């Protein structure tokens, strides 16, 4: 979100940041190594090319019930 806010401040409101989920972590004194996900910034995608998710009730209820 900080990267996207920085993009907006610098006048790049026509694109979204492209991210990749990457593994990371930290060392904890009690638990040892603790895994933590990181969103690595890979680039930018124009908003016109980004797909909008279908959030309709019909799409949410279209899963099949096995008989």
Protein backbone atom coordinates (compact mmCIF):
# COMPACT_ATOMS: atom_id res chain seq x y z
CA UNK A 1 0.00 0.00 0.00
CA UNK A 2 2.90 2.35 0.66
CA UNK A 3 4.23 1.73 -2.85
CA UNK A 4 0.79 2.42 -4.39
CA UNK A 5 0.43 5.62 -2.32
CA UNK A 6 3.87 6.74 -3.55
CA UNK A 7 2.79 6.01 -7.15
CA UNK A 8 -0.31 8.18 -6.69
CA UNK A 9 1.71 11.04 -5.20
CA UNK A 10 4.07 11.00 -8.19
CA UNK A 11 1.23 11.21 -10.71
CA UNK A 12 1.01 7.54 -11.78
CA UNK A 13 -2.70 7.06 -11.07
CA UNK A 14 -3.28 5.04 -14.28
CA UNK A 15 -1.53 1.85 -13.13
CA UNK A 16 -1.41 -0.70 -10.33
CA UNK A 17 1.75 -2.20 -8.85
CA UNK A 18 2.42 -5.81 -9.88
CA UNK A 19 3.39 -7.92 -6.89
CA UNK A 20 4.74 -11.42 -6.32
CA UNK A 21 4.26 -13.40 -3.13
CA UNK A 22 7.70 -14.31 -1.79
CA UNK A 23 8.85 -16.19 1.31
CA UNK A 24 10.61 -14.38 4.11
CA UNK A 25 10.82 -14.54 7.87
CA UNK A 26 12.61 -13.55 11.01
CA UNK A 27 14.43 -15.13 13.91
CA UNK A 28 12.49 -15.21 17.18
CA UNK A 29 14.18 -15.90 20.52
CA UNK A 30 11.40 -18.22 21.70
CA UNK A 31 10.31 -19.96 18.48
CA UNK A 32 13.35 -19.90 16.21
CA UNK A 33 12.75 -19.09 12.56
CA UNK A 34 9.24 -17.73 11.88
CA UNK A 35 8.02 -17.77 8.26
CA UNK A 36 6.41 -14.60 6.97
CA UNK A 37 5.09 -13.79 3.48
CA UNK A 38 6.30 -10.69 1.62
CA UNK A 39 4.74 -8.94 -1.37
CA UNK A 40 7.69 -8.16 -3.65
CA UNK A 41 7.03 -5.31 -6.13
CA UNK A 42 7.71 -6.58 -9.66
CA UNK A 43 6.54 -3.67 -11.82
CA UNK A 44 3.38 -1.87 -12.94
CA UNK A 45 0.23 -2.82 -14.86
CA UNK A 46 -2.06 -0.30 -16.55
CA UNK A 47 -5.48 -0.13 -14.87
CA UNK A 48 -7.16 -0.68 -18.25
CA UNK A 49 -5.53 -4.14 -18.52
CA UNK A 50 -6.43 -5.28 -14.97
CA UNK A 51 -9.39 -7.64 -14.64
CA UNK A 52 -12.12 -6.64 -12.24
CA UNK A 53 -13.30 -9.52 -10.04
CA UNK A 54 -16.90 -10.69 -10.32
CA UNK A 55 -18.32 -9.99 -6.86
CA UNK A 56 -21.97 -10.64 -7.72
CA UNK A 57 -24.14 -12.89 -5.55
CA UNK A 58 -24.79 -15.15 -8.56
CA UNK A 59 -21.06 -15.77 -8.99
CA UNK A 60 -20.63 -16.43 -5.29
CA UNK A 61 -23.45 -18.99 -5.28
CA UNK A 62 -22.49 -20.89 -8.48
CA UNK A 63 -20.57 -23.69 -6.76
CA UNK A 64 -21.97 -27.14 -7.38
CA UNK A 65 -23.26 -29.44 -4.68
CA UNK A 66 -22.20 -33.06 -5.25
CA UNK A 67 -24.94 -35.69 -5.06
